[in-house]
C-alpha atoms as a PDB file:
ATOM      1  CA  MET A   1       0.000   0.000   0.000  1.00  0.00           C
ATOM      2  CA  THR A   2       2.944   2.346   0.591  1.00  0.00           C
ATOM      3  CA  LEU A   3       4.058   1.958  -3.012  1.00  0.00           C
ATOM      4  CA  ALA A   4       0.535   2.340  -4.364  1.00  0.00           C
ATOM      5  CA  LEU A   5      -0.516   5.296  -2.223  1.00  0.00           C
ATOM      6  CA  ALA A   6       2.726   7.250  -1.848  1.00  0.00           C
ATOM      7  CA  LEU A   7       4.382   6.585  -5.200  1.00  0.00           C
ATOM      8  CA  ASP A   8       1.402   5.657  -7.414  1.00  0.00           C
ATOM      9  CA  VAL A   9       3.143   2.398  -8.352  1.00  0.00           C
ATOM     10  CA  PRO A  10       0.810   0.020 -10.197  1.00  0.00           C
ATOM     11  CA  MET A  11       0.142  -3.112  -8.147  1.00  0.00           C
ATOM     12  CA  SER A  12      -0.825  -6.633  -9.118  1.00  0.00           C
ATOM     13  CA  LEU A  13      -4.453  -7.614  -8.637  1.00  0.00           C
ATOM     14  CA  THR A  14      -3.561  -9.492  -5.444  1.00  0.00           C
ATOM     15  CA  ASP A  15      -2.091  -6.293  -3.984  1.00  0.00           C
ATOM     16  CA  LYS A  16      -4.819  -3.930  -5.122  1.00  0.00           C
ATOM     17  CA  HIS A  17      -6.687  -3.827  -1.795  1.00  0.00           C
ATOM     18  CA  PHE A  18      -5.638  -4.134   1.805  1.00  0.00           C
ATOM     19  CA  ILE A  19      -8.577  -4.562   4.136  1.00  0.00           C
ATOM     20  CA  SER A  20      -8.124  -3.332   7.698  1.00  0.00           C
ATOM     21  CA  PRO A  21     -10.474  -3.411  10.676  1.00  0.00           C
ATOM     22  CA  PHE A  22     -11.245   0.287  10.145  1.00  0.00           C
ATOM     23  CA  ASN A  23     -12.521  -0.550   6.630  1.00  0.00           C
ATOM     24  CA  ILE A  24     -14.841  -3.233   8.001  1.00  0.00           C
ATOM     25  CA  ARG A  25     -16.135  -0.886  10.714  1.00  0.00           C
ATOM     26  CA  GLU A  26     -16.834   1.798   8.108  1.00  0.00           C
ATOM     27  CA  TRP A  27     -18.648  -0.648   5.801  1.00  0.00           C
ATOM     28  CA  LEU A  28     -20.830  -1.796   8.705  1.00  0.00           C
ATOM     29  CA  LEU A  29     -22.012   1.712   9.676  1.00  0.00           C
ATOM     30  CA  GLY A  30     -25.780   1.851   9.571  1.00  0.00           C
ATOM     31  CA  THR A  31     -26.220  -1.901   8.996  1.00  0.00           C
ATOM     32  CA  GLY A  32     -27.069  -3.038  12.517  1.00  0.00           C
ATOM     33  CA  PHE A  33     -23.874  -5.101  12.641  1.00  0.00           C
ATOM     34  CA  GLU A  34     -20.531  -4.489  14.319  1.00  0.00           C
ATOM     35  CA  LEU A  35     -17.024  -5.907  14.181  1.00  0.00           C
ATOM     36  CA  SER A  36     -16.705  -7.745  17.477  1.00  0.00           C
ATOM     37  CA  GLU A  37     -13.325  -9.473  17.110  1.00  0.00           C
ATOM     38  CA  VAL A  38     -10.297  -9.713  14.823  1.00  0.00           C
ATOM     39  CA  THR A  39      -7.923 -12.672  14.971  1.00  0.00           C
ATOM     40  CA  TYR A  40      -4.697 -12.660  12.958  1.00  0.00           C
ATOM     41  CA  PHE A  41      -2.891 -15.758  11.707  1.00  0.00           C
ATOM     42  CA  ASP A  42      -0.415 -16.927   9.060  1.00  0.00           C
ATOM     43  CA  TYR A  43       2.564 -15.285  10.751  1.00  0.00           C
ATOM     44  CA  GLU A  44       5.165 -16.831   8.430  1.00  0.00           C
ATOM     45  CA  ARG A  45       3.655 -15.094   5.412  1.00  0.00           C
ATOM     46  CA  ALA A  46       3.397 -11.811   7.339  1.00  0.00           C
ATOM     47  CA  ASN A  47       6.750 -11.758   9.106  1.00  0.00           C
ATOM     48  CA  GLY A  48       8.805 -14.794   8.103  1.00  0.00           C
ATOM     49  CA  GLN A  49      10.802 -16.271   5.259  1.00  0.00           C
ATOM     50  CA  LEU A  50       7.723 -16.477   3.015  1.00  0.00           C
ATOM     51  CA  MET A  51       7.178 -12.735   3.471  1.00  0.00           C
ATOM     52  CA  LEU A  52      10.808 -12.040   2.586  1.00  0.00           C
ATOM     53  CA  SER A  53      10.759 -13.962  -0.683  1.00  0.00           C
ATOM     54  CA  ASP A  54       7.325 -12.593  -1.629  1.00  0.00           C
ATOM     55  CA  MET A  55       8.284  -9.004  -0.767  1.00  0.00           C
ATOM     56  CA  ASP A  56      11.499  -9.201  -2.798  1.00  0.00           C
ATOM     57  CA  LYS A  57       9.587 -10.432  -5.834  1.00  0.00           C
ATOM     58  CA  ARG A  58       6.735  -7.933  -5.490  1.00  0.00           C
ATOM     59  CA  LEU A  59       8.981  -4.914  -4.890  1.00  0.00           C
ATOM     60  CA  ASN A  60      11.166  -5.626  -7.882  1.00  0.00           C
ATOM     61  CA  ASN A  61       8.170  -6.273 -10.150  1.00  0.00           C
ATOM     62  CA  ALA A  62       6.169  -3.240  -8.977  1.00  0.00           C
ATOM     63  CA  LEU A  63       9.091  -0.819  -9.211  1.00  0.00           C
ATOM     64  CA  ARG A  64      10.114  -2.168 -12.610  1.00  0.00           C
ATOM     65  CA  ASP A  65       6.530  -1.842 -13.895  1.00  0.00           C
ATOM     66  CA  ALA A  66       6.510   1.790 -12.722  1.00  0.00           C
ATOM     67  CA  ASN A  67       9.848   2.436 -14.438  1.00  0.00           C
ATOM     68  CA  LEU A  68      11.450   3.131 -11.057  1.00  0.00           C
ATOM     69  CA  HIS A  69      14.894   2.042  -9.911  1.00  0.00           C
ATOM     70  CA  THR A  70      15.232  -1.275  -8.088  1.00  0.00           C
ATOM     71  CA  GLU A  71      18.812  -0.805  -6.907  1.00  0.00           C
ATOM     72  CA  GLY A  72      17.729  -0.142  -3.308  1.00  0.00           C
ATOM     73  CA  VAL A  73      15.643  -3.320  -3.007  1.00  0.00           C
ATOM     74  CA  PRO A  74      18.546  -5.591  -1.929  1.00  0.00           C
ATOM     75  CA  LYS A  75      19.481  -3.167   0.876  1.00  0.00           C
ATOM     76  CA  LEU A  76      15.857  -3.031   2.080  1.00  0.00           C
ATOM     77  CA  MET A  77      15.576  -6.817   1.879  1.00  0.00           C
ATOM     78  CA  GLU A  78      18.757  -7.203   3.922  1.00  0.00           C
ATOM     79  CA  TRP A  79      17.286  -4.934   6.606  1.00  0.00           C
ATOM     80  CA  LEU A  80      13.950  -6.796   6.551  1.00  0.00           C
ATOM     81  CA  SER A  81      15.821 -10.105   6.823  1.00  0.00           C
ATOM     82  CA  ASN A  82      17.577  -8.845   9.936  1.00  0.00           C
ATOM     83  CA  VAL A  83      14.253  -7.765  11.440  1.00  0.00           C
ATOM     84  CA  VAL A  84      12.656 -11.146  10.679  1.00  0.00           C
ATOM     85  CA  ASN A  85      15.634 -13.186  11.865  1.00  0.00           C
ATOM     86  CA  HIS A  86      16.314 -11.224  15.068  1.00  0.00           C
ATOM     87  CA  GLU A  87      12.784 -10.234  16.104  1.00  0.00           C
ATOM     88  CA  SER A  88      10.837 -13.384  15.212  1.00  0.00           C
ATOM     89  CA  GLU A  89       9.360 -13.913  18.689  1.00  0.00           C
ATOM     90  CA  SER A  90       7.898 -10.420  18.934  1.00  0.00           C
ATOM     91  CA  LEU A  91       6.757 -10.407  15.293  1.00  0.00           C
ATOM     92  CA  GLU A  92       4.706 -13.574  15.738  1.00  0.00           C
ATOM     93  CA  VAL A  93       2.441 -11.976  18.312  1.00  0.00           C
ATOM     94  CA  MET A  94       2.061  -8.678  16.482  1.00  0.00           C
ATOM     95  CA  ASN A  95       0.374  -9.542  13.221  1.00  0.00           C
ATOM     96  CA  GLY A  96      -0.401 -12.154  10.639  1.00  0.00           C
ATOM     97  CA  SER A  97      -0.913 -11.837   6.917  1.00  0.00           C
ATOM     98  CA  SER A  98      -4.487 -13.057   7.185  1.00  0.00           C
ATOM     99  CA  ALA A  99      -7.292 -12.162   9.530  1.00  0.00           C
ATOM    100  CA  LEU A 100     -10.592 -13.579  10.649  1.00  0.00           C
ATOM    101  CA  TYR A 101     -13.182 -10.867  11.197  1.00  0.00           C
ATOM    102  CA  ILE A 102     -16.094 -11.741  13.494  1.00  0.00           C
ATOM    103  CA  ILE A 103     -19.160  -9.627  12.708  1.00  0.00           C
ATOM    104  CA  GLU A 104     -22.200  -9.749  14.963  1.00  0.00           C
ATOM    105  CA  ARG A 105     -25.584  -8.122  15.084  1.00  0.00           C
ATOM    106  CA  LYS A 106     -25.518  -5.131  17.438  1.00  0.00           C
ATOM    107  CA  LYS A 107     -27.101  -5.763  20.810  1.00  0.00           C
END
């Protein structure tokens, strides 16, 4: 989303939307329903080796498609690798790449 919103870099269809709890809450306004719980999972894809390989591929492709330089990607990926490899315990409890949204009728 940083590339898309800040730099207007075209994204693949799988990266076109990022749904957050605030989006769900906004969509539910006036419906009689509310977001009661959010549970994150799939930590490896969010903060592990899968994220690193996916991010490297997506950054290079997106920047190339926008005719932007990719020379800085290896340096960023090295930094991200250090974060993932040295902060894995704290990253696992922070966020996952997927979420389960529990929506209930308002009481």
